[in-house]
Amino acid sequence: MPLARTRSPRHAGLGRPIHQALRRQILTGRFRPGDRLVEGELARAYGVSKSPLREALKTLQHEGLVEAIPRRGYVVTPITVKQVADLFDLRLILERETAIRAARSAAPGQVEELRRLVGDPYVVGDVDSQARFLSQNKAFHLAVARLAGNQRLVVLLDRLLDDLERLFHLGLDVRDRAHALVAEHVELVEAVAARDPDRAARVVEAQIGNARQMVLEGILEGALSVQVG
Protein backbone atom coordinates (compact mmCIF):
# COMPACT_ATOMS: atom_id res chain seq x y z
CA MET A 1 0.00 0.00 0.00
CA PRO A 2 1.48 3.40 -0.95
CA LEU A 3 2.45 5.74 1.83
CA ALA A 4 0.17 8.70 2.46
CA ARG A 5 1.63 11.98 1.25
CA THR A 6 2.65 14.25 4.09
CA ARG A 7 3.01 18.00 4.07
CA SER A 8 6.46 19.42 3.92
CA PRO A 9 7.62 20.45 7.42
CA ARG A 10 8.82 23.73 5.96
CA HIS A 11 5.25 24.62 4.87
CA ALA A 12 3.32 22.99 7.74
CA GLY A 13 1.41 25.59 9.70
CA LEU A 14 2.23 28.49 7.36
CA GLY A 15 -1.38 28.81 6.29
CA ARG A 16 -2.54 30.19 9.64
CA PRO A 17 -0.32 33.31 9.85
CA ILE A 18 -1.02 34.06 6.19
CA HIS A 19 -4.74 33.66 6.87
CA GLN A 20 -4.49 36.10 9.78
CA ALA A 21 -2.55 38.63 7.70
CA LEU A 22 -4.96 38.44 4.75
CA ARG A 23 -7.96 38.56 7.07
CA ARG A 24 -6.69 41.78 8.62
CA GLN A 25 -6.07 43.27 5.18
CA ILE A 26 -9.67 42.48 4.17
CA LEU A 27 -11.30 43.62 7.42
CA THR A 28 -9.43 46.93 7.47
CA GLY A 29 -10.23 47.67 3.82
CA ARG A 30 -6.74 47.38 2.38
CA PHE A 31 -8.26 44.72 0.15
CA ARG A 32 -11.61 46.16 -0.92
CA PRO A 33 -14.83 44.32 -1.77
CA GLY A 34 -14.55 42.94 -5.29
CA ASP A 35 -10.72 43.04 -5.37
CA ARG A 36 -9.14 40.04 -7.07
CA LEU A 37 -6.55 38.15 -5.01
CA VAL A 38 -3.86 36.88 -7.37
CA GLU A 39 -2.15 33.80 -5.94
CA GLY A 40 1.22 34.42 -7.57
CA GLU A 41 1.41 38.02 -6.34
CA LEU A 42 0.37 37.09 -2.81
CA ALA A 43 2.81 34.17 -2.67
CA ARG A 44 5.66 36.49 -3.62
CA ALA A 45 4.52 39.17 -1.19
CA TYR A 46 4.45 36.73 1.74
CA GLY A 47 7.46 34.72 0.62
CA VAL A 48 5.67 31.36 0.58
CA SER A 49 4.63 28.73 -1.91
CA LYS A 50 1.07 28.55 -3.22
CA SER A 51 0.19 25.59 -0.96
CA PRO A 52 -0.08 27.47 2.38
CA LEU A 53 -1.55 30.43 0.53
CA ARG A 54 -4.37 28.30 -0.86
CA GLU A 55 -4.95 26.88 2.62
CA ALA A 56 -5.37 30.44 3.92
CA LEU A 57 -7.70 31.38 1.07
CA LYS A 58 -9.87 28.31 1.69
CA THR A 59 -10.24 29.36 5.33
CA LEU A 60 -11.19 32.89 4.28
CA GLN A 61 -13.73 31.43 1.88
CA HIS A 62 -15.24 29.38 4.72
CA GLU A 63 -15.49 32.61 6.76
CA GLY A 64 -17.31 34.34 3.90
CA LEU A 65 -14.57 36.93 3.31
CA VAL A 66 -13.53 35.72 -0.15
CA GLU A 67 -15.27 33.91 -2.99
CA ALA A 68 -13.82 31.41 -5.45
CA ILE A 69 -14.61 32.44 -9.03
CA PRO A 70 -14.10 29.84 -11.81
CA ARG A 71 -11.06 30.69 -13.98
CA ARG A 72 -10.46 33.88 -11.98
CA GLY A 73 -9.31 32.56 -8.62
CA TYR A 74 -10.45 34.41 -5.51
CA VAL A 75 -12.05 37.81 -5.02
CA VAL A 76 -12.90 39.67 -1.82
CA THR A 77 -16.58 39.06 -1.15
CA PRO A 78 -18.69 42.00 -2.37
CA ILE A 79 -20.95 43.82 0.06
CA THR A 80 -24.66 43.91 -0.70
CA VAL A 81 -27.31 46.32 0.55
CA LYS A 82 -29.26 43.28 1.75
CA GLN A 83 -26.25 42.08 3.75
CA VAL A 84 -25.92 45.45 5.48
CA ALA A 85 -29.66 45.53 6.26
CA ASP A 86 -29.71 41.97 7.58
CA LEU A 87 -26.66 42.37 9.82
CA PHE A 88 -27.89 45.60 11.39
CA ASP A 89 -31.42 44.25 11.83
CA LEU A 90 -30.01 41.26 13.68
CA ARG A 91 -27.79 43.53 15.77
CA LEU A 92 -30.81 45.61 16.76
CA ILE A 93 -32.75 42.50 17.79
CA LEU A 94 -29.89 41.19 19.95
CA GLU A 95 -28.54 44.39 21.46
CA ARG A 96 -31.87 46.03 22.26
CA GLU A 97 -32.79 43.03 24.41
CA THR A 98 -29.38 42.82 26.07
CA ALA A 99 -29.54 46.51 26.99
CA ILE A 100 -33.00 46.10 28.51
CA ARG A 101 -31.89 43.12 30.58
CA ALA A 102 -28.66 44.82 31.61
CA ALA A 103 -30.58 47.86 32.85
CA ARG A 104 -32.81 45.63 34.92
CA SER A 105 -30.09 43.58 36.58
CA ALA A 106 -26.71 45.38 36.60
CA ALA A 107 -25.08 45.77 40.02
CA PRO A 108 -23.04 48.92 40.83
CA GLY A 109 -19.74 47.06 40.38
CA GLN A 110 -20.82 45.86 36.95
CA VAL A 111 -21.77 49.41 35.94
CA GLU A 112 -18.31 50.61 36.93
CA GLU A 113 -16.77 47.87 34.79
CA LEU A 114 -18.81 49.14 31.83
CA ARG A 115 -17.49 52.65 32.47
CA ARG A 116 -13.93 51.34 32.26
CA LEU A 117 -14.71 49.71 28.91
CA VAL A 118 -16.20 52.79 27.22
CA GLY A 119 -13.04 53.16 25.09
CA ASP A 120 -11.11 56.00 23.48
CA PRO A 121 -11.78 57.91 20.25
CA TYR A 122 -10.07 56.71 17.08
CA VAL A 123 -8.06 58.74 14.57
CA VAL A 124 -9.74 58.97 11.16
CA GLY A 125 -7.62 57.32 8.48
CA ASP A 126 -5.35 55.56 10.98
CA VAL A 127 -6.07 51.86 10.46
CA ASP A 128 -4.34 50.76 13.66
CA SER A 129 -6.21 53.36 15.70
CA GLN A 130 -9.51 52.28 14.15
CA ALA A 131 -8.72 48.62 14.82
CA ARG A 132 -8.02 49.41 18.50
CA PHE A 133 -11.29 51.31 18.76
CA LEU A 134 -13.26 48.46 17.21
CA SER A 135 -11.62 46.00 19.62
CA GLN A 136 -12.64 48.23 22.54
CA ASN A 137 -16.10 48.65 21.03
CA LYS A 138 -16.57 44.90 20.81
CA ALA A 139 -15.41 44.40 24.42
CA PHE A 140 -17.87 47.04 25.61
CA HIS A 141 -20.89 45.59 23.80
CA LEU A 142 -20.07 42.04 24.87
CA ALA A 143 -19.80 43.24 28.49
CA VAL A 144 -23.29 44.70 28.22
CA ALA A 145 -24.51 41.42 26.72
CA ARG A 146 -23.04 39.39 29.58
CA LEU A 147 -25.21 41.33 32.01
CA ALA A 148 -28.24 39.83 30.26
CA GLY A 149 -27.29 36.47 31.78
CA ASN A 150 -27.56 34.41 28.58
CA GLN A 151 -24.24 33.01 27.36
CA ARG A 152 -25.67 31.88 24.02
CA LEU A 153 -26.73 35.44 23.33
CA VAL A 154 -23.16 36.59 24.05
CA VAL A 155 -21.78 34.01 21.59
CA LEU A 156 -24.19 35.13 18.87
CA LEU A 157 -23.32 38.79 19.38
CA ASP A 158 -19.59 37.98 19.36
CA ARG A 159 -19.92 36.36 15.93
CA LEU A 160 -22.15 39.14 14.64
CA LEU A 161 -19.67 41.86 15.63
CA ASP A 162 -16.94 39.91 13.82
CA ASP A 163 -19.12 39.87 10.69
CA LEU A 164 -19.68 43.63 11.02
CA GLU A 165 -16.02 44.56 11.48
CA ARG A 166 -15.31 44.99 7.77
CA LEU A 167 -18.37 47.24 7.42
CA PHE A 168 -17.36 49.31 10.44
CA HIS A 169 -13.92 49.98 8.96
CA LEU A 170 -15.52 51.24 5.75
CA GLY A 171 -17.62 53.68 7.78
CA LEU A 172 -14.82 54.85 10.07
CA ASP A 173 -12.65 55.55 7.01
CA VAL A 174 -14.86 58.35 5.66
CA ARG A 175 -16.78 59.80 8.59
CA ASP A 176 -15.42 61.17 11.85
CA ARG A 177 -17.72 59.91 14.57
CA ALA A 178 -14.90 59.16 17.00
CA HIS A 179 -16.14 61.28 19.91
CA ALA A 180 -19.82 60.66 19.13
CA LEU A 181 -19.33 56.89 19.34
CA VAL A 182 -17.63 57.16 22.73
CA ALA A 183 -20.41 59.49 23.90
CA GLU A 184 -22.98 56.88 22.84
CA HIS A 185 -21.24 54.30 25.02
CA VAL A 186 -21.33 56.70 27.97
CA GLU A 187 -25.04 57.33 27.34
CA LEU A 188 -25.77 53.61 27.45
CA VAL A 189 -23.80 53.20 30.68
CA GLU A 190 -25.85 56.00 32.26
CA ALA A 191 -29.10 54.32 31.20
CA VAL A 192 -27.95 51.02 32.71
CA ALA A 193 -26.78 52.78 35.89
CA ALA A 194 -30.19 54.46 36.21
CA ARG A 195 -31.83 51.03 35.86
CA ASP A 196 -33.98 52.43 33.07
CA PRO A 197 -34.72 49.68 30.50
CA ASP A 198 -36.78 51.92 28.22
CA ARG A 199 -34.02 54.53 28.04
CA ALA A 200 -31.41 51.83 27.42
CA ALA A 201 -33.51 50.46 24.54
CA ARG A 202 -33.85 53.94 22.98
CA VAL A 203 -30.11 54.56 23.28
CA VAL A 204 -29.29 51.27 21.53
CA GLU A 205 -31.82 51.92 18.77
CA ALA A 206 -30.24 55.33 18.10
CA GLN A 207 -26.70 53.91 18.24
CA ILE A 208 -27.42 51.17 15.75
CA GLY A 209 -29.28 53.54 13.43
CA ASN A 210 -26.30 55.90 13.45
CA ALA A 211 -23.88 53.02 12.84
CA ARG A 212 -25.94 51.74 9.93
CA GLN A 213 -25.98 55.20 8.36
CA MET A 214 -22.23 55.58 8.89
CA VAL A 215 -21.56 52.28 7.14
CA LEU A 216 -23.81 53.10 4.18
CA GLU A 217 -22.10 56.47 3.79
CA GLY A 218 -18.74 54.73 3.94
CA ILE A 219 -19.76 52.33 1.20
CA LEU A 220 -21.10 55.06 -1.06
CA GLU A 221 -18.31 57.57 -0.49
CA GLY A 222 -15.73 54.84 -0.92
CA ALA A 223 -17.09 54.34 -4.43
CA LEU A 224 -17.49 50.60 -3.84
CA SER A 225 -19.53 48.46 -6.19
CA VAL A 226 -22.39 47.44 -3.92
CA GLN A 227 -24.88 44.86 -5.07
CA VAL A 228 -28.58 45.46 -4.47
CA GLY A 229 -29.50 41.81 -3.84
C-alpha atoms as a PDB file:
ATOM      1  CA  MET A   1       0.000   0.000   0.000  1.00  0.00           C
ATOM      2  CA  PRO A   2       1.484   3.399  -0.948  1.00  0.00           C
ATOM      3  CA  LEU A   3       2.448   5.738   1.830  1.00  0.00           C
ATOM      4  CA  ALA A   4       0.170   8.701   2.460  1.00  0.00           C
ATOM      5  CA  ARG A   5       1.630  11.982   1.252  1.00  0.00           C
ATOM      6  CA  THR A   6       2.647  14.247   4.087  1.00  0.00           C
ATOM      7  CA  ARG A   7       3.005  18.001   4.069  1.00  0.00           C
ATOM      8  CA  SER A   8       6.459  19.421   3.920  1.00  0.00           C
ATOM      9  CA  PRO A   9       7.616  20.455   7.421  1.00  0.00           C
ATOM     10  CA  ARG A  10       8.819  23.732   5.956  1.00  0.00           C
ATOM     11  CA  HIS A  11       5.251  24.621   4.872  1.00  0.00           C
ATOM     12  CA  ALA A  12       3.323  22.994   7.738  1.00  0.00           C
ATOM     13  CA  GLY A  13       1.405  25.590   9.705  1.00  0.00           C
ATOM     14  CA  LEU A  14       2.230  28.491   7.361  1.00  0.00           C
ATOM     15  CA  GLY A  15      -1.381  28.813   6.291  1.00  0.00           C
ATOM     16  CA  ARG A  16      -2.543  30.191   9.645  1.00  0.00           C
ATOM     17  CA  PRO A  17      -0.316  33.310   9.851  1.00  0.00           C
ATOM     18  CA  ILE A  18      -1.021  34.063   6.190  1.00  0.00           C
ATOM     19  CA  HIS A  19      -4.739  33.661   6.866  1.00  0.00           C
ATOM     20  CA  GLN A  20      -4.486  36.097   9.782  1.00  0.00           C
ATOM     21  CA  ALA A  21      -2.545  38.629   7.698  1.00  0.00           C
ATOM     22  CA  LEU A  22      -4.959  38.444   4.749  1.00  0.00           C
ATOM     23  CA  ARG A  23      -7.962  38.565   7.072  1.00  0.00           C
ATOM     24  CA  ARG A  24      -6.692  41.780   8.624  1.00  0.00           C
ATOM     25  CA  GLN A  25      -6.067  43.273   5.175  1.00  0.00           C
ATOM     26  CA  ILE A  26      -9.665  42.484   4.172  1.00  0.00           C
ATOM     27  CA  LEU A  27     -11.303  43.620   7.417  1.00  0.00           C
ATOM     28  CA  THR A  28      -9.429  46.926   7.467  1.00  0.00           C
ATOM     29  CA  GLY A  29     -10.231  47.666   3.823  1.00  0.00           C
ATOM     30  CA  ARG A  30      -6.743  47.376   2.385  1.00  0.00           C
ATOM     31  CA  PHE A  31      -8.265  44.718   0.150  1.00  0.00           C
ATOM     32  CA  ARG A  32     -11.613  46.163  -0.923  1.00  0.00           C
ATOM     33  CA  PRO A  33     -14.834  44.315  -1.774  1.00  0.00           C
ATOM     34  CA  GLY A  34     -14.546  42.940  -5.291  1.00  0.00           C
ATOM     35  CA  ASP A  35     -10.725  43.037  -5.366  1.00  0.00           C
ATOM     36  CA  ARG A  36      -9.136  40.039  -7.074  1.00  0.00           C
ATOM     37  CA  LEU A  37      -6.547  38.148  -5.011  1.00  0.00           C
ATOM     38  CA  VAL A  38      -3.856  36.883  -7.371  1.00  0.00           C
ATOM     39  CA  GLU A  39      -2.146  33.804  -5.941  1.00  0.00           C
ATOM     40  CA  GLY A  40       1.222  34.421  -7.570  1.00  0.00           C
ATOM     41  CA  GLU A  41       1.411  38.018  -6.345  1.00  0.00           C
ATOM     42  CA  LEU A  42       0.371  37.088  -2.815  1.00  0.00           C
ATOM     43  CA  ALA A  43       2.805  34.167  -2.665  1.00  0.00           C
ATOM     44  CA  ARG A  44       5.662  36.486  -3.625  1.00  0.00           C
ATOM     45  CA  ALA A  45       4.518  39.173  -1.187  1.00  0.00           C
ATOM     46  CA  TYR A  46       4.454  36.731   1.737  1.00  0.00           C
ATOM     47  CA  GLY A  47       7.457  34.719   0.619  1.00  0.00           C
ATOM     48  CA  VAL A  48       5.665  31.365   0.584  1.00  0.00           C
ATOM     49  CA  SER A  49       4.627  28.726  -1.909  1.00  0.00           C
ATOM     50  CA  LYS A  50       1.070  28.545  -3.216  1.00  0.00           C
ATOM     51  CA  SER A  51       0.190  25.589  -0.961  1.00  0.00           C
ATOM     52  CA  PRO A  52      -0.085  27.467   2.376  1.00  0.00           C
ATOM     53  CA  LEU A  53      -1.553  30.432   0.535  1.00  0.00           C
ATOM     54  CA  ARG A  54      -4.365  28.298  -0.864  1.00  0.00           C
ATOM     55  CA  GLU A  55      -4.949  26.880   2.618  1.00  0.00           C
ATOM     56  CA  ALA A  56      -5.372  30.436   3.915  1.00  0.00           C
ATOM     57  CA  LEU A  57      -7.700  31.383   1.067  1.00  0.00           C
ATOM     58  CA  LYS A  58      -9.865  28.307   1.692  1.00  0.00           C
ATOM     59  CA  THR A  59     -10.244  29.357   5.332  1.00  0.00           C
ATOM     60  CA  LEU A  60     -11.193  32.891   4.284  1.00  0.00           C
ATOM     61  CA  GLN A  61     -13.725  31.428   1.876  1.00  0.00           C
ATOM     62  CA  HIS A  62     -15.237  29.385   4.725  1.00  0.00           C
ATOM     63  CA  GLU A  63     -15.494  32.610   6.758  1.00  0.00           C
ATOM     64  CA  GLY A  64     -17.305  34.338   3.896  1.00  0.00           C
ATOM     65  CA  LEU A  65     -14.575  36.925   3.310  1.00  0.00           C
ATOM     66  CA  VAL A  66     -13.530  35.719  -0.153  1.00  0.00           C
ATOM     67  CA  GLU A  67     -15.267  33.911  -2.993  1.00  0.00           C
ATOM     68  CA  ALA A  68     -13.819  31.410  -5.447  1.00  0.00           C
ATOM     69  CA  ILE A  69     -14.607  32.435  -9.029  1.00  0.00           C
ATOM     70  CA  PRO A  70     -14.098  29.843 -11.807  1.00  0.00           C
ATOM     71  CA  ARG A  71     -11.065  30.686 -13.976  1.00  0.00           C
ATOM     72  CA  ARG A  72     -10.456  33.884 -11.975  1.00  0.00           C
ATOM     73  CA  GLY A  73      -9.313  32.556  -8.621  1.00  0.00           C
ATOM     74  CA  TYR A  74     -10.454  34.415  -5.507  1.00  0.00           C
ATOM     75  CA  VAL A  75     -12.053  37.811  -5.016  1.00  0.00           C
ATOM     76  CA  VAL A  76     -12.896  39.670  -1.822  1.00  0.00           C
ATOM     77  CA  THR A  77     -16.576  39.060  -1.149  1.00  0.00           C
ATOM     78  CA  PRO A  78     -18.687  41.997  -2.371  1.00  0.00           C
ATOM     79  CA  ILE A  79     -20.950  43.824   0.057  1.00  0.00           C
ATOM     80  CA  THR A  80     -24.659  43.914  -0.705  1.00  0.00           C
ATOM     81  CA  VAL A  81     -27.307  46.317   0.547  1.00  0.00           C
ATOM     82  CA  LYS A  82     -29.258  43.278   1.752  1.00  0.00           C
ATOM     83  CA  GLN A  83     -26.249  42.076   3.750  1.00  0.00           C
ATOM     84  CA  VAL A  84     -25.925  45.454   5.485  1.00  0.00           C
ATOM     85  CA  ALA A  85     -29.657  45.531   6.260  1.00  0.00           C
ATOM     86  CA  ASP A  86     -29.711  41.966   7.584  1.00  0.00           C
ATOM     87  CA  LEU A  87     -26.661  42.368   9.820  1.00  0.00           C
ATOM     88  CA  PHE A  88     -27.885  45.596  11.388  1.00  0.00           C
ATOM     89  CA  ASP A  89     -31.421  44.253  11.832  1.00  0.00           C
ATOM     90  CA  LEU A  90     -30.007  41.264  13.685  1.00  0.00           C
ATOM     91  CA  ARG A  91     -27.794  43.525  15.767  1.00  0.00           C
ATOM     92  CA  LEU A  92     -30.812  45.607  16.762  1.00  0.00           C
ATOM     93  CA  ILE A  93     -32.750  42.499  17.795  1.00  0.00           C
ATOM     94  CA  LEU A  94     -29.895  41.192  19.946  1.00  0.00           C
ATOM     95  CA  GLU A  95     -28.542  44.393  21.460  1.00  0.00           C
ATOM     96  CA  ARG A  96     -31.871  46.026  22.260  1.00  0.00           C
ATOM     97  CA  GLU A  97     -32.788  43.029  24.409  1.00  0.00           C
ATOM     98  CA  THR A  98     -29.376  42.822  26.071  1.00  0.00           C
ATOM     99  CA  ALA A  99     -29.539  46.514  26.988  1.00  0.00           C
ATOM    100  CA  ILE A 100     -33.001  46.100  28.510  1.00  0.00           C
ATOM    101  CA  ARG A 101     -31.888  43.118  30.577  1.00  0.00           C
ATOM    102  CA  ALA A 102     -28.657  44.816  31.612  1.00  0.00           C
ATOM    103  CA  ALA A 103     -30.576  47.858  32.851  1.00  0.00           C
ATOM    104  CA  ARG A 104     -32.814  45.628  34.925  1.00  0.00           C
ATOM    105  CA  SER A 105     -30.090  43.583  36.581  1.00  0.00           C
ATOM    106  CA  ALA A 106     -26.707  45.383  36.600  1.00  0.00           C
ATOM    107  CA  ALA A 107     -25.080  45.772  40.015  1.00  0.00           C
ATOM    108  CA  PRO A 108     -23.039  48.919  40.833  1.00  0.00           C
ATOM    109  CA  GLY A 109     -19.742  47.060  40.381  1.00  0.00           C
ATOM    110  CA  GLN A 110     -20.823  45.862  36.951  1.00  0.00           C
ATOM    111  CA  VAL A 111     -21.773  49.406  35.936  1.00  0.00           C
ATOM    112  CA  GLU A 112     -18.312  50.611  36.925  1.00  0.00           C
ATOM    113  CA  GLU A 113     -16.772  47.874  34.792  1.00  0.00           C
ATOM    114  CA  LEU A 114     -18.813  49.141  31.830  1.00  0.00           C
ATOM    115  CA  ARG A 115     -17.493  52.645  32.472  1.00  0.00           C
ATOM    116  CA  ARG A 116     -13.934  51.341  32.258  1.00  0.00           C
ATOM    117  CA  LEU A 117     -14.708  49.714  28.911  1.00  0.00           C
ATOM    118  CA  VAL A 118     -16.201  52.791  27.217  1.00  0.00           C
ATOM    119  CA  GLY A 119     -13.039  53.161  25.094  1.00  0.00           C
ATOM    120  CA  ASP A 120     -11.107  55.999  23.476  1.00  0.00           C
ATOM    121  CA  PRO A 121     -11.781  57.910  20.246  1.00  0.00           C
ATOM    122  CA  TYR A 122     -10.066  56.706  17.081  1.00  0.00           C
ATOM    123  CA  VAL A 123      -8.062  58.742  14.568  1.00  0.00           C
ATOM    124  CA  VAL A 124      -9.736  58.966  11.161  1.00  0.00           C
ATOM    125  CA  GLY A 125      -7.619  57.324   8.477  1.00  0.00           C
ATOM    126  CA  ASP A 126      -5.352  55.557  10.977  1.00  0.00           C
ATOM    127  CA  VAL A 127      -6.072  51.862  10.456  1.00  0.00           C
ATOM    128  CA  ASP A 128      -4.339  50.756  13.664  1.00  0.00           C
ATOM    129  CA  SER A 129      -6.211  53.357  15.701  1.00  0.00           C
ATOM    130  CA  GLN A 130      -9.510  52.281  14.153  1.00  0.00           C
ATOM    131  CA  ALA A 131      -8.722  48.622  14.822  1.00  0.00           C
ATOM    132  CA  ARG A 132      -8.023  49.414  18.497  1.00  0.00           C
ATOM    133  CA  PHE A 133     -11.292  51.308  18.762  1.00  0.00           C
ATOM    134  CA  LEU A 134     -13.260  48.455  17.210  1.00  0.00           C
ATOM    135  CA  SER A 135     -11.624  45.998  19.623  1.00  0.00           C
ATOM    136  CA  GLN A 136     -12.640  48.230  22.540  1.00  0.00           C
ATOM    137  CA  ASN A 137     -16.103  48.652  21.031  1.00  0.00           C
ATOM    138  CA  LYS A 138     -16.572  44.900  20.814  1.00  0.00           C
ATOM    139  CA  ALA A 139     -15.405  44.398  24.416  1.00  0.00           C
ATOM    140  CA  PHE A 140     -17.875  47.039  25.606  1.00  0.00           C
ATOM    141  CA  HIS A 141     -20.888  45.594  23.801  1.00  0.00           C
ATOM    142  CA  LEU A 142     -20.072  42.040  24.873  1.00  0.00           C
ATOM    143  CA  ALA A 143     -19.798  43.236  28.488  1.00  0.00           C
ATOM    144  CA  VAL A 144     -23.293  44.705  28.223  1.00  0.00           C
ATOM    145  CA  ALA A 145     -24.515  41.422  26.722  1.00  0.00           C
ATOM    146  CA  ARG A 146     -23.043  39.387  29.576  1.00  0.00           C
ATOM    147  CA  LEU A 147     -25.211  41.325  32.012  1.00  0.00           C
ATOM    148  CA  ALA A 148     -28.236  39.830  30.256  1.00  0.00           C
ATOM    149  CA  GLY A 149     -27.286  36.471  31.780  1.00  0.00           C
ATOM    150  CA  ASN A 150     -27.563  34.415  28.583  1.00  0.00           C
ATOM    151  CA  GLN A 151     -24.243  33.006  27.357  1.00  0.00           C
ATOM    152  CA  ARG A 152     -25.670  31.877  24.018  1.00  0.00           C
ATOM    153  CA  LEU A 153     -26.727  35.442  23.330  1.00  0.00           C
ATOM    154  CA  VAL A 154     -23.162  36.587  24.046  1.00  0.00           C
ATOM    155  CA  VAL A 155     -21.783  34.009  21.591  1.00  0.00           C
ATOM    156  CA  LEU A 156     -24.194  35.129  18.871  1.00  0.00           C
ATOM    157  CA  LEU A 157     -23.316  38.791  19.378  1.00  0.00           C
ATOM    158  CA  ASP A 158     -19.592  37.982  19.357  1.00  0.00           C
ATOM    159  CA  ARG A 159     -19.916  36.360  15.928  1.00  0.00           C
ATOM    160  CA  LEU A 160     -22.147  39.139  14.636  1.00  0.00           C
ATOM    161  CA  LEU A 161     -19.674  41.860  15.626  1.00  0.00           C
ATOM    162  CA  ASP A 162     -16.945  39.906  13.823  1.00  0.00           C
ATOM    163  CA  ASP A 163     -19.121  39.871  10.691  1.00  0.00           C
ATOM    164  CA  LEU A 164     -19.684  43.626  11.023  1.00  0.00           C
ATOM    165  CA  GLU A 165     -16.020  44.556  11.483  1.00  0.00           C
ATOM    166  CA  ARG A 166     -15.311  44.990   7.772  1.00  0.00           C
ATOM    167  CA  LEU A 167     -18.369  47.242   7.425  1.00  0.00           C
ATOM    168  CA  PHE A 168     -17.360  49.314  10.444  1.00  0.00           C
ATOM    169  CA  HIS A 169     -13.923  49.975   8.959  1.00  0.00           C
ATOM    170  CA  LEU A 170     -15.521  51.244   5.755  1.00  0.00           C
ATOM    171  CA  GLY A 171     -17.618  53.684   7.783  1.00  0.00           C
ATOM    172  CA  LEU A 172     -14.818  54.855  10.067  1.00  0.00           C
ATOM    173  CA  ASP A 173     -12.654  55.554   7.013  1.00  0.00           C
ATOM    174  CA  VAL A 174     -14.856  58.346   5.664  1.00  0.00           C
ATOM    175  CA  ARG A 175     -16.785  59.800   8.586  1.00  0.00           C
ATOM    176  CA  ASP A 176     -15.417  61.172  11.850  1.00  0.00           C
ATOM    177  CA  ARG A 177     -17.724  59.913  14.575  1.00  0.00           C
ATOM    178  CA  ALA A 178     -14.900  59.159  17.004  1.00  0.00           C
ATOM    179  CA  HIS A 179     -16.138  61.281  19.909  1.00  0.00           C
ATOM    180  CA  ALA A 180     -19.820  60.655  19.126  1.00  0.00           C
ATOM    181  CA  LEU A 181     -19.334  56.888  19.340  1.00  0.00           C
ATOM    182  CA  VAL A 182     -17.634  57.157  22.730  1.00  0.00           C
ATOM    183  CA  ALA A 183     -20.415  59.488  23.904  1.00  0.00           C
ATOM    184  CA  GLU A 184     -22.984  56.875  22.839  1.00  0.00           C
ATOM    185  CA  HIS A 185     -21.239  54.296  25.016  1.00  0.00           C
ATOM    186  CA  VAL A 186     -21.333  56.702  27.968  1.00  0.00           C
ATOM    187  CA  GLU A 187     -25.038  57.335  27.345  1.00  0.00           C
ATOM    188  CA  LEU A 188     -25.766  53.611  27.445  1.00  0.00           C
ATOM    189  CA  VAL A 189     -23.800  53.196  30.678  1.00  0.00           C
ATOM    190  CA  GLU A 190     -25.852  56.003  32.257  1.00  0.00           C
ATOM    191  CA  ALA A 191     -29.099  54.322  31.199  1.00  0.00           C
ATOM    192  CA  VAL A 192     -27.949  51.024  32.712  1.00  0.00           C
ATOM    193  CA  ALA A 193     -26.777  52.778  35.887  1.00  0.00           C
ATOM    194  CA  ALA A 194     -30.189  54.456  36.212  1.00  0.00           C
ATOM    195  CA  ARG A 195     -31.828  51.029  35.860  1.00  0.00           C
ATOM    196  CA  ASP A 196     -33.980  52.434  33.074  1.00  0.00           C
ATOM    197  CA  PRO A 197     -34.719  49.681  30.504  1.00  0.00           C
ATOM    198  CA  ASP A 198     -36.779  51.924  28.223  1.00  0.00           C
ATOM    199  CA  ARG A 199     -34.023  54.528  28.040  1.00  0.00           C
ATOM    200  CA  ALA A 200     -31.414  51.826  27.416  1.00  0.00           C
ATOM    201  CA  ALA A 201     -33.506  50.462  24.541  1.00  0.00           C
ATOM    202  CA  ARG A 202     -33.851  53.936  22.983  1.00  0.00           C
ATOM    203  CA  VAL A 203     -30.108  54.559  23.276  1.00  0.00           C
ATOM    204  CA  VAL A 204     -29.295  51.268  21.528  1.00  0.00           C
ATOM    205  CA  GLU A 205     -31.821  51.918  18.766  1.00  0.00           C
ATOM    206  CA  ALA A 206     -30.238  55.328  18.097  1.00  0.00           C
ATOM    207  CA  GLN A 207     -26.704  53.911  18.237  1.00  0.00           C
ATOM    208  CA  ILE A 208     -27.421  51.167  15.755  1.00  0.00           C
ATOM    209  CA  GLY A 209     -29.284  53.541  13.434  1.00  0.00           C
ATOM    210  CA  ASN A 210     -26.297  55.896  13.452  1.00  0.00           C
ATOM    211  CA  ALA A 211     -23.880  53.017  12.844  1.00  0.00           C
ATOM    212  CA  ARG A 212     -25.945  51.735   9.928  1.00  0.00           C
ATOM    213  CA  GLN A 213     -25.977  55.205   8.362  1.00  0.00           C
ATOM    214  CA  MET A 214     -22.231  55.584   8.889  1.00  0.00           C
ATOM    215  CA  VAL A 215     -21.556  52.278   7.136  1.00  0.00           C
ATOM    216  CA  LEU A 216     -23.812  53.095   4.185  1.00  0.00           C
ATOM    217  CA  GLU A 217     -22.104  56.468   3.792  1.00  0.00           C
ATOM    218  CA  GLY A 218     -18.738  54.732   3.938  1.00  0.00           C
ATOM    219  CA  ILE A 219     -19.759  52.328   1.205  1.00  0.00           C
ATOM    220  CA  LEU A 220     -21.105  55.062  -1.063  1.00  0.00           C
ATOM    221  CA  GLU A 221     -18.309  57.573  -0.490  1.00  0.00           C
ATOM    222  CA  GLY A 222     -15.725  54.845  -0.916  1.00  0.00           C
ATOM    223  CA  ALA A 223     -17.091  54.335  -4.430  1.00  0.00           C
ATOM    224  CA  LEU A 224     -17.488  50.603  -3.844  1.00  0.00           C
ATOM    225  CA  SER A 225     -19.534  48.457  -6.194  1.00  0.00           C
ATOM    226  CA  VAL A 226     -22.389  47.436  -3.919  1.00  0.00           C
ATOM    227  CA  GLN A 227     -24.879  44.858  -5.068  1.00  0.00           C
ATOM    228  CA  VAL A 228     -28.578  45.459  -4.467  1.00  0.00           C
ATOM    229  CA  GLY A 229     -29.505  41.814  -3.839  1.00  0.00           C
END
